[in-house]
Amino acid sequence: MTKLKQSTIFYEPNPEPDEFETKLKKLLDYLEQDKEGILSLVEKAGGYTQVAIEFHNRNTMFGGPHIDKVDIGRMSNLNPEVDFVLYANGKFFK
């Protein structure tokens, strides 16, 4: 048996497909309910936010997430790192 050296907490603000900006706002609303707890997780356990984005049926330019000034400030108050993971899926356009 392998003993893991890490723990993970997953929270999806809304698991259905939605805009990145909407999901980010809902996540921040949730995390800000316990700002001190989140700051402790970030500091003591290396807590961070991971964003996984899956694009369907694209050929070249995928675009990317936009974070407005208000949400940058909200994120800054929680002090997390952010990791973006991008996936491309589907058939190419003809």
PDB file of N, CA and C in Angstrom:
ATOM      1  N   MET A   1       0.834  -1.171   0.000  1.00  0.00           N
ATOM      2  CA  MET A   1       0.000   0.000   0.000  1.00  0.00           C
ATOM      3  C   MET A   1       0.889   1.248   0.000  1.00  0.00           C
ATOM      4  N   THR A   2       0.540   2.206  -0.846  1.00  0.00           N
ATOM      5  CA  THR A   2       1.281   3.466  -0.920  1.00  0.00           C
ATOM      6  C   THR A   2       0.666   4.478   0.032  1.00  0.00           C
ATOM      7  N   LYS A   3       1.497   5.088   0.826  1.00  0.00           N
ATOM      8  CA  LYS A   3       1.025   6.111   1.755  1.00  0.00           C
ATOM      9  C   LYS A   3       1.183   7.477   1.086  1.00  0.00           C
ATOM     10  N   LEU A   4       0.085   8.184   0.949  1.00  0.00           N
ATOM     11  CA  LEU A   4       0.123   9.501   0.323  1.00  0.00           C
ATOM     12  C   LEU A   4       0.665  10.542   1.291  1.00  0.00           C
ATOM     13  N   LYS A   5       1.392  11.501   0.757  1.00  0.00           N
ATOM     14  CA  LYS A   5       1.963  12.547   1.582  1.00  0.00           C
ATOM     15  C   LYS A   5       1.229  13.870   1.409  1.00  0.00           C
ATOM     16  N   GLN A   6       0.038  13.807   0.846  1.00  0.00           N
ATOM     17  CA  GLN A   6      -0.723  15.043   0.659  1.00  0.00           C
ATOM     18  C   GLN A   6      -2.208  14.771   0.802  1.00  0.00           C
ATOM     19  N   SER A   7      -2.923  15.823   1.069  1.00  0.00           N
ATOM     20  CA  SER A   7      -4.382  15.772   1.130  1.00  0.00           C
ATOM     21  C   SER A   7      -4.907  16.754   0.092  1.00  0.00           C
ATOM     22  N   THR A   8      -6.125  16.532  -0.351  1.00  0.00           N
ATOM     23  CA  THR A   8      -6.705  17.405  -1.358  1.00  0.00           C
ATOM     24  C   THR A   8      -8.145  17.713  -0.996  1.00  0.00           C
ATOM     25  N   ILE A   9      -8.522  18.954  -1.218  1.00  0.00           N
ATOM     26  CA  ILE A   9      -9.907  19.380  -1.066  1.00  0.00           C
ATOM     27  C   ILE A   9     -10.350  19.892  -2.431  1.00  0.00           C
ATOM     28  N   PHE A  10     -11.458  19.373  -2.939  1.00  0.00           N
ATOM     29  CA  PHE A  10     -12.006  19.849  -4.197  1.00  0.00           C
ATOM     30  C   PHE A  10     -13.312  20.575  -3.921  1.00  0.00           C
ATOM     31  N   TYR A  11     -13.461  21.729  -4.499  1.00  0.00           N
ATOM     32  CA  TYR A  11     -14.731  22.439  -4.430  1.00  0.00           C
ATOM     33  C   TYR A  11     -15.039  22.961  -5.822  1.00  0.00           C
ATOM     34  N   GLU A  12     -16.176  22.599  -6.351  1.00  0.00           N
ATOM     35  CA  GLU A  12     -16.630  23.115  -7.635  1.00  0.00           C
ATOM     36  C   GLU A  12     -17.833  24.005  -7.365  1.00  0.00           C
ATOM     37  N   PRO A  13     -17.717  25.305  -7.630  1.00  0.00           N
ATOM     38  CA  PRO A  13     -18.812  26.219  -7.321  1.00  0.00           C
ATOM     39  C   PRO A  13     -20.101  25.862  -8.042  1.00  0.00           C
ATOM     40  N   ASN A  14     -19.992  25.392  -9.228  1.00  0.00           N
ATOM     41  CA  ASN A  14     -21.136  24.847  -9.975  1.00  0.00           C
ATOM     42  C   ASN A  14     -20.548  23.883 -11.001  1.00  0.00           C
ATOM     43  N   PRO A  15     -20.849  22.596 -10.873  1.00  0.00           N
ATOM     44  CA  PRO A  15     -20.202  21.588 -11.710  1.00  0.00           C
ATOM     45  C   PRO A  15     -20.648  21.594 -13.175  1.00  0.00           C
ATOM     46  N   GLU A  16     -21.759  22.237 -13.479  1.00  0.00           N
ATOM     47  CA  GLU A  16     -22.207  22.263 -14.871  1.00  0.00           C
ATOM     48  C   GLU A  16     -21.350  23.246 -15.690  1.00  0.00           C
ATOM     49  N   PRO A  17     -21.371  23.122 -17.017  1.00  0.00           N
ATOM     50  CA  PRO A  17     -20.629  24.059 -17.855  1.00  0.00           C
ATOM     51  C   PRO A  17     -21.103  25.488 -17.606  1.00  0.00           C
ATOM     52  N   ASP A  18     -20.169  26.401 -17.529  1.00  0.00           N
ATOM     53  CA  ASP A  18     -20.487  27.812 -17.306  1.00  0.00           C
ATOM     54  C   ASP A  18     -19.268  28.644 -17.678  1.00  0.00           C
ATOM     55  N   GLU A  19     -19.430  29.942 -17.710  1.00  0.00           N
ATOM     56  CA  GLU A  19     -18.330  30.851 -18.002  1.00  0.00           C
ATOM     57  C   GLU A  19     -17.326  30.846 -16.844  1.00  0.00           C
ATOM     58  N   PHE A  20     -16.051  30.982 -17.170  1.00  0.00           N
ATOM     59  CA  PHE A  20     -14.998  31.028 -16.158  1.00  0.00           C
ATOM     60  C   PHE A  20     -15.278  32.113 -15.124  1.00  0.00           C
ATOM     61  N   GLU A  21     -15.672  33.293 -15.597  1.00  0.00           N
ATOM     62  CA  GLU A  21     -15.886  34.428 -14.699  1.00  0.00           C
ATOM     63  C   GLU A  21     -16.973  34.128 -13.665  1.00  0.00           C
ATOM     64  N   THR A  22     -18.042  33.448 -14.072  1.00  0.00           N
ATOM     65  CA  THR A  22     -19.124  33.091 -13.158  1.00  0.00           C
ATOM     66  C   THR A  22     -18.638  32.092 -12.119  1.00  0.00           C
ATOM     67  N   LYS A  23     -17.898  31.091 -12.563  1.00  0.00           N
ATOM     68  CA  LYS A  23     -17.373  30.086 -11.642  1.00  0.00           C
ATOM     69  C   LYS A  23     -16.402  30.718 -10.637  1.00  0.00           C
ATOM     70  N   LEU A  24     -15.554  31.641 -11.108  1.00  0.00           N
ATOM     71  CA  LEU A  24     -14.598  32.304 -10.222  1.00  0.00           C
ATOM     72  C   LEU A  24     -15.330  33.104  -9.152  1.00  0.00           C
ATOM     73  N   LYS A  25     -16.331  33.878  -9.537  1.00  0.00           N
ATOM     74  CA  LYS A  25     -17.086  34.671  -8.562  1.00  0.00           C
ATOM     75  C   LYS A  25     -17.751  33.784  -7.515  1.00  0.00           C
ATOM     76  N   LYS A  26     -18.335  32.671  -7.936  1.00  0.00           N
ATOM     77  CA  LYS A  26     -18.970  31.755  -6.989  1.00  0.00           C
ATOM     78  C   LYS A  26     -17.936  31.113  -6.061  1.00  0.00           C
ATOM     79  N   LEU A  27     -16.769  30.776  -6.599  1.00  0.00           N
ATOM     80  CA  LEU A  27     -15.705  30.213  -5.765  1.00  0.00           C
ATOM     81  C   LEU A  27     -15.251  31.234  -4.731  1.00  0.00           C
ATOM     82  N   LEU A  28     -15.037  32.466  -5.153  1.00  0.00           N
ATOM     83  CA  LEU A  28     -14.601  33.502  -4.216  1.00  0.00           C
ATOM     84  C   LEU A  28     -15.662  33.765  -3.147  1.00  0.00           C
ATOM     85  N   ASP A  29     -16.933  33.784  -3.545  1.00  0.00           N
ATOM     86  CA  ASP A  29     -18.016  33.948  -2.563  1.00  0.00           C
ATOM     87  C   ASP A  29     -17.914  32.871  -1.487  1.00  0.00           C
ATOM     88  N   TYR A  30     -17.664  31.642  -1.915  1.00  0.00           N
ATOM     89  CA  TYR A  30     -17.572  30.514  -0.991  1.00  0.00           C
ATOM     90  C   TYR A  30     -16.335  30.636  -0.091  1.00  0.00           C
ATOM     91  N   LEU A  31     -15.181  30.887  -0.682  1.00  0.00           N
ATOM     92  CA  LEU A  31     -13.938  30.945   0.090  1.00  0.00           C
ATOM     93  C   LEU A  31     -13.927  32.106   1.074  1.00  0.00           C
ATOM     94  N   GLU A  32     -14.535  33.221   0.704  1.00  0.00           N
ATOM     95  CA  GLU A  32     -14.532  34.395   1.576  1.00  0.00           C
ATOM     96  C   GLU A  32     -15.385  34.208   2.835  1.00  0.00           C
ATOM     97  N   GLN A  33     -16.168  33.150   2.896  1.00  0.00           N
ATOM     98  CA  GLN A  33     -16.939  32.859   4.101  1.00  0.00           C
ATOM     99  C   GLN A  33     -16.037  32.493   5.281  1.00  0.00           C
ATOM    100  N   ASP A  34     -14.818  32.020   4.972  1.00  0.00           N
ATOM    101  CA  ASP A  34     -13.857  31.661   6.018  1.00  0.00           C
ATOM    102  C   ASP A  34     -12.468  32.129   5.594  1.00  0.00           C
ATOM    103  N   LYS A  35     -12.315  33.441   5.510  1.00  0.00           N
ATOM    104  CA  LYS A  35     -11.058  34.010   5.022  1.00  0.00           C
ATOM    105  C   LYS A  35      -9.864  33.547   5.857  1.00  0.00           C
ATOM    106  N   GLU A  36      -9.994  33.555   7.181  1.00  0.00           N
ATOM    107  CA  GLU A  36      -8.879  33.146   8.041  1.00  0.00           C
ATOM    108  C   GLU A  36      -8.514  31.681   7.811  1.00  0.00           C
ATOM    109  N   GLY A  37      -9.512  30.827   7.642  1.00  0.00           N
ATOM    110  CA  GLY A  37      -9.249  29.417   7.371  1.00  0.00           C
ATOM    111  C   GLY A  37      -8.542  29.215   6.041  1.00  0.00           C
ATOM    112  N   ILE A  38      -8.956  29.973   5.019  1.00  0.00           N
ATOM    113  CA  ILE A  38      -8.320  29.878   3.700  1.00  0.00           C
ATOM    114  C   ILE A  38      -6.889  30.378   3.769  1.00  0.00           C
ATOM    115  N   LEU A  39      -6.674  31.506   4.447  1.00  0.00           N
ATOM    116  CA  LEU A  39      -5.305  32.018   4.599  1.00  0.00           C
ATOM    117  C   LEU A  39      -4.424  30.997   5.299  1.00  0.00           C
ATOM    118  N   SER A  40      -4.965  30.297   6.284  1.00  0.00           N
ATOM    119  CA  SER A  40      -4.207  29.268   6.993  1.00  0.00           C
ATOM    120  C   SER A  40      -3.880  28.092   6.070  1.00  0.00           C
ATOM    121  N   LEU A  41      -4.865  27.657   5.263  1.00  0.00           N
ATOM    122  CA  LEU A  41      -4.606  26.567   4.311  1.00  0.00           C
ATOM    123  C   LEU A  41      -3.523  26.950   3.310  1.00  0.00           C
ATOM    124  N   VAL A  42      -3.572  28.182   2.829  1.00  0.00           N
ATOM    125  CA  VAL A  42      -2.573  28.636   1.864  1.00  0.00           C
ATOM    126  C   VAL A  42      -1.183  28.656   2.496  1.00  0.00           C
ATOM    127  N   GLU A  43      -1.095  29.216   3.707  1.00  0.00           N
ATOM    128  CA  GLU A  43       0.196  29.364   4.370  1.00  0.00           C
ATOM    129  C   GLU A  43       0.770  28.040   4.878  1.00  0.00           C
ATOM    130  N   LYS A  44      -0.051  27.261   5.555  1.00  0.00           N
ATOM    131  CA  LYS A  44       0.458  26.058   6.218  1.00  0.00           C
ATOM    132  C   LYS A  44       0.442  24.812   5.347  1.00  0.00           C
ATOM    133  N   ALA A  45      -0.438  24.785   4.352  1.00  0.00           N
ATOM    134  CA  ALA A  45      -0.583  23.562   3.554  1.00  0.00           C
ATOM    135  C   ALA A  45      -0.335  23.784   2.065  1.00  0.00           C
ATOM    136  N   GLY A  46       0.121  24.983   1.698  1.00  0.00           N
ATOM    137  CA  GLY A  46       0.399  25.230   0.285  1.00  0.00           C
ATOM    138  C   GLY A  46      -0.857  25.229  -0.569  1.00  0.00           C
ATOM    139  N   GLY A  47      -1.976  25.651   0.012  1.00  0.00           N
ATOM    140  CA  GLY A  47      -3.236  25.665  -0.729  1.00  0.00           C
ATOM    141  C   GLY A  47      -3.179  26.568  -1.941  1.00  0.00           C
ATOM    142  N   TYR A  48      -3.826  26.159  -3.011  1.00  0.00           N
ATOM    143  CA  TYR A  48      -3.879  26.957  -4.229  1.00  0.00           C
ATOM    144  C   TYR A  48      -5.162  26.640  -4.976  1.00  0.00           C
ATOM    145  N   THR A  49      -5.450  27.430  -5.970  1.00  0.00           N
ATOM    146  CA  THR A  49      -6.630  27.222  -6.799  1.00  0.00           C
ATOM    147  C   THR A  49      -6.189  26.657  -8.134  1.00  0.00           C
ATOM    148  N   GLN A  50      -6.830  25.577  -8.565  1.00  0.00           N
ATOM    149  CA  GLN A  50      -6.540  25.007  -9.881  1.00  0.00           C
ATOM    150  C   GLN A  50      -7.755  25.212 -10.773  1.00  0.00           C
ATOM    151  N   VAL A  51      -7.498  25.742 -11.950  1.00  0.00           N
ATOM    152  CA  VAL A  51      -8.555  25.988 -12.926  1.00  0.00           C
ATOM    153  C   VAL A  51      -8.318  25.058 -14.109  1.00  0.00           C
ATOM    154  N   ALA A  52      -9.282  24.183 -14.381  1.00  0.00           N
ATOM    155  CA  ALA A  52      -9.205  23.290 -15.538  1.00  0.00           C
ATOM    156  C   ALA A  52     -10.244  23.751 -16.548  1.00  0.00           C
ATOM    157  N   ILE A  53      -9.797  24.047 -17.753  1.00  0.00           N
ATOM    158  CA  ILE A  53     -10.683  24.531 -18.811  1.00  0.00           C
ATOM    159  C   ILE A  53     -10.585  23.573 -19.989  1.00  0.00           C
ATOM    160  N   GLU A  54     -11.734  23.123 -20.468  1.00  0.00           N
ATOM    161  CA  GLU A  54     -11.765  22.231 -21.631  1.00  0.00           C
ATOM    162  C   GLU A  54     -12.463  22.939 -22.778  1.00  0.00           C
ATOM    163  N   PHE A  55     -11.739  23.064 -23.899  1.00  0.00           N
ATOM    164  CA  PHE A  55     -12.282  23.682 -25.102  1.00  0.00           C
ATOM    165  C   PHE A  55     -12.720  22.580 -26.057  1.00  0.00           C
ATOM    166  N   HIS A  56     -13.850  22.775 -26.705  1.00  0.00           N
ATOM    167  CA  HIS A  56     -14.382  21.795 -27.641  1.00  0.00           C
ATOM    168  C   HIS A  56     -14.368  22.375 -29.053  1.00  0.00           C
ATOM    169  N   ASN A  57     -14.007  21.542 -30.019  1.00  0.00           N
ATOM    170  CA  ASN A  57     -14.114  21.887 -31.437  1.00  0.00           C
ATOM    171  C   ASN A  57     -13.465  23.224 -31.794  1.00  0.00           C
ATOM    172  N   ARG A  58     -12.195  23.324 -31.576  1.00  0.00           N
ATOM    173  CA  ARG A  58     -11.456  24.536 -31.946  1.00  0.00           C
ATOM    174  C   ARG A  58     -10.302  24.146 -32.860  1.00  0.00           C
ATOM    175  N   ASN A  59      -9.918  25.047 -33.720  1.00  0.00           N
ATOM    176  CA  ASN A  59      -8.794  24.782 -34.598  1.00  0.00           C
ATOM    177  C   ASN A  59      -7.519  25.477 -34.135  1.00  0.00           C
ATOM    178  N   THR A  60      -7.600  26.728 -33.799  1.00  0.00           N
ATOM    179  CA  THR A  60      -6.366  27.450 -33.492  1.00  0.00           C
ATOM    180  C   THR A  60      -6.475  28.216 -32.183  1.00  0.00           C
ATOM    181  N   MET A  61      -7.032  29.405 -32.199  1.00  0.00           N
ATOM    182  CA  MET A  61      -7.030  30.262 -31.021  1.00  0.00           C
ATOM    183  C   MET A  61      -8.120  29.847 -30.034  1.00  0.00           C
ATOM    184  N   PHE A  62      -7.707  29.537 -28.817  1.00  0.00           N
ATOM    185  CA  PHE A  62      -8.644  29.107 -27.787  1.00  0.00           C
ATOM    186  C   PHE A  62      -9.202  30.273 -26.980  1.00  0.00           C
ATOM    187  N   GLY A  63      -8.498  31.386 -26.965  1.00  0.00           N
ATOM    188  CA  GLY A  63      -8.888  32.462 -26.054  1.00  0.00           C
ATOM    189  C   GLY A  63      -8.426  32.087 -24.654  1.00  0.00           C
ATOM    190  N   GLY A  64      -8.964  32.741 -23.668  1.00  0.00           N
ATOM    191  CA  GLY A  64      -8.557  32.423 -22.313  1.00  0.00           C
ATOM    192  C   GLY A  64      -9.422  33.132 -21.305  1.00  0.00           C
ATOM    193  N   PRO A  65      -9.222  32.808 -20.041  1.00  0.00           N
ATOM    194  CA  PRO A  65     -10.039  33.413 -18.991  1.00  0.00           C
ATOM    195  C   PRO A  65      -9.691  34.878 -18.792  1.00  0.00           C
ATOM    196  N   HIS A  66     -10.689  35.628 -18.327  1.00  0.00           N
ATOM    197  CA  HIS A  66     -10.499  37.040 -17.999  1.00  0.00           C
ATOM    198  C   HIS A  66     -10.791  37.211 -16.514  1.00  0.00           C
ATOM    199  N   ILE A  67      -9.927  37.922 -15.813  1.00  0.00           N
ATOM    200  CA  ILE A  67     -10.142  38.209 -14.392  1.00  0.00           C
ATOM    201  C   ILE A  67     -10.183  39.718 -14.238  1.00  0.00           C
ATOM    202  N   ASP A  68     -11.324  40.241 -13.788  1.00  0.00           N
ATOM    203  CA  ASP A  68     -11.454  41.695 -13.652  1.00  0.00           C
ATOM    204  C   ASP A  68     -10.746  42.191 -12.385  1.00  0.00           C
ATOM    205  N   LYS A  69     -10.622  43.523 -12.270  1.00  0.00           N
ATOM    206  CA  LYS A  69      -9.893  44.129 -11.150  1.00  0.00           C
ATOM    207  C   LYS A  69     -10.488  43.760  -9.797  1.00  0.00           C
ATOM    208  N   VAL A  70     -11.797  43.728  -9.731  1.00  0.00           N
ATOM    209  CA  VAL A  70     -12.462  43.399  -8.460  1.00  0.00           C
ATOM    210  C   VAL A  70     -12.073  41.994  -8.010  1.00  0.00           C
ATOM    211  N   ASP A  71     -12.131  41.021  -8.929  1.00  0.00           N
ATOM    212  CA  ASP A  71     -11.801  39.641  -8.564  1.00  0.00           C
ATOM    213  C   ASP A  71     -10.314  39.460  -8.300  1.00  0.00           C
ATOM    214  N   ILE A  72      -9.465  40.224  -8.963  1.00  0.00           N
ATOM    215  CA  ILE A  72      -8.026  40.180  -8.647  1.00  0.00           C
ATOM    216  C   ILE A  72      -7.810  40.625  -7.206  1.00  0.00           C
ATOM    217  N   GLY A  73      -8.506  41.679  -6.796  1.00  0.00           N
ATOM    218  CA  GLY A  73      -8.408  42.140  -5.407  1.00  0.00           C
ATOM    219  C   GLY A  73      -8.927  41.110  -4.424  1.00  0.00           C
ATOM    220  N   ARG A  74     -10.052  40.480  -4.764  1.00  0.00           N
ATOM    221  CA  ARG A  74     -10.622  39.448  -3.890  1.00  0.00           C
ATOM    222  C   ARG A  74      -9.653  38.276  -3.752  1.00  0.00           C
ATOM    223  N   MET A  75      -9.052  37.882  -4.869  1.00  0.00           N
ATOM    224  CA  MET A  75      -8.090  36.776  -4.839  1.00  0.00           C
ATOM    225  C   MET A  75      -6.866  37.165  -4.014  1.00  0.00           C
ATOM    226  N   SER A  76      -6.406  38.392  -4.187  1.00  0.00           N
ATOM    227  CA  SER A  76      -5.233  38.859  -3.458  1.00  0.00           C
ATOM    228  C   SER A  76      -5.448  38.796  -1.950  1.00  0.00           C
ATOM    229  N   ASN A  77      -6.666  39.099  -1.507  1.00  0.00           N
ATOM    230  CA  ASN A  77      -6.974  39.051  -0.072  1.00  0.00           C
ATOM    231  C   ASN A  77      -6.932  37.634   0.487  1.00  0.00           C
ATOM    232  N   LEU A  78      -7.064  36.627  -0.368  1.00  0.00           N
ATOM    233  CA  LEU A  78      -7.008  35.228   0.065  1.00  0.00           C
ATOM    234  C   LEU A  78      -5.619  34.624  -0.137  1.00  0.00           C
ATOM    235  N   ASN A  79      -4.796  35.277  -0.937  1.00  0.00           N
ATOM    236  CA  ASN A  79      -3.389  34.934  -1.136  1.00  0.00           C
ATOM    237  C   ASN A  79      -3.116  33.563  -1.779  1.00  0.00           C
ATOM    238  N   PRO A  80      -4.008  33.028  -2.632  1.00  0.00           N
ATOM    239  CA  PRO A  80      -3.691  31.724  -3.220  1.00  0.00           C
ATOM    240  C   PRO A  80      -2.866  31.857  -4.495  1.00  0.00           C
ATOM    241  N   GLU A  81      -2.153  30.808  -4.820  1.00  0.00           N
ATOM    242  CA  GLU A  81      -1.591  30.695  -6.153  1.00  0.00           C
ATOM    243  C   GLU A  81      -2.697  30.153  -7.047  1.00  0.00           C
ATOM    244  N   VAL A  82      -2.570  30.365  -8.356  1.00  0.00           N
ATOM    245  CA  VAL A  82      -3.566  29.856  -9.296  1.00  0.00           C
ATOM    246  C   VAL A  82      -2.840  29.068 -10.374  1.00  0.00           C
ATOM    247  N   ASP A  83      -3.329  27.874 -10.643  1.00  0.00           N
ATOM    248  CA  ASP A  83      -2.763  26.988 -11.656  1.00  0.00           C
ATOM    249  C   ASP A  83      -3.825  26.767 -12.730  1.00  0.00           C
ATOM    250  N   PHE A  84      -3.502  27.075 -13.990  1.00  0.00           N
ATOM    251  CA  PHE A  84      -4.421  26.874 -15.099  1.00  0.00           C
ATOM    252  C   PHE A  84      -4.017  25.634 -15.884  1.00  0.00           C
ATOM    253  N   VAL A  85      -4.994  24.769 -16.150  1.00  0.00           N
ATOM    254  CA  VAL A  85      -4.792  23.583 -16.973  1.00  0.00           C
ATOM    255  C   VAL A  85      -5.787  23.681 -18.124  1.00  0.00           C
ATOM    256  N   LEU A  86      -5.298  23.652 -19.363  1.00  0.00           N
ATOM    257  CA  LEU A  86      -6.156  23.797 -20.534  1.00  0.00           C
ATOM    258  C   LEU A  86      -6.164  22.507 -21.343  1.00  0.00           C
ATOM    259  N   TYR A  87      -7.363  22.107 -21.774  1.00  0.00           N
ATOM    260  CA  TYR A  87      -7.528  20.904 -22.581  1.00  0.00           C
ATOM    261  C   TYR A  87      -8.244  21.277 -23.875  1.00  0.00           C
ATOM    262  N   ALA A  88      -7.903  20.602 -24.960  1.00  0.00           N
ATOM    263  CA  ALA A  88      -8.613  20.743 -26.227  1.00  0.00           C
ATOM    264  C   ALA A  88      -9.218  19.388 -26.564  1.00  0.00           C
ATOM    265  N   ASN A  89     -10.487  19.395 -26.997  1.00  0.00           N
ATOM    266  CA  ASN A  89     -11.186  18.156 -27.236  1.00  0.00           C
ATOM    267  C   ASN A  89     -12.083  18.326 -28.454  1.00  0.00           C
ATOM    268  N   GLY A  90     -12.342  17.255 -29.161  1.00  0.00           N
ATOM    269  CA  GLY A  90     -13.271  17.291 -30.278  1.00  0.00           C
ATOM    270  C   GLY A  90     -12.576  17.224 -31.620  1.00  0.00           C
ATOM    271  N   LYS A  91     -13.372  17.305 -32.671  1.00  0.00           N
ATOM    272  CA  LYS A  91     -12.867  17.254 -34.040  1.00  0.00           C
ATOM    273  C   LYS A  91     -12.579  18.654 -34.555  1.00  0.00           C
ATOM    274  N   PHE A  92     -11.563  18.743 -35.400  1.00  0.00           N
ATOM    275  CA  PHE A  92     -11.236  20.035 -36.001  1.00  0.00           C
ATOM    276  C   PHE A  92     -12.350  20.490 -36.930  1.00  0.00           C
ATOM    277  N   PHE A  93     -12.542  21.817 -37.012  1.00  0.00           N
ATOM    278  CA  PHE A  93     -13.478  22.357 -37.989  1.00  0.00           C
ATOM    279  C   PHE A  93     -12.909  22.140 -39.376  1.00  0.00           C
ATOM    280  N   LYS A  94     -13.763  22.018 -40.394  1.00  0.00           N
ATOM    281  CA  LYS A  94     -13.290  21.884 -41.772  1.00  0.00           C
ATOM    282  C   LYS A  94     -13.554  23.149 -42.536  1.00  0.00           C
TER     283      LYS A  94
END
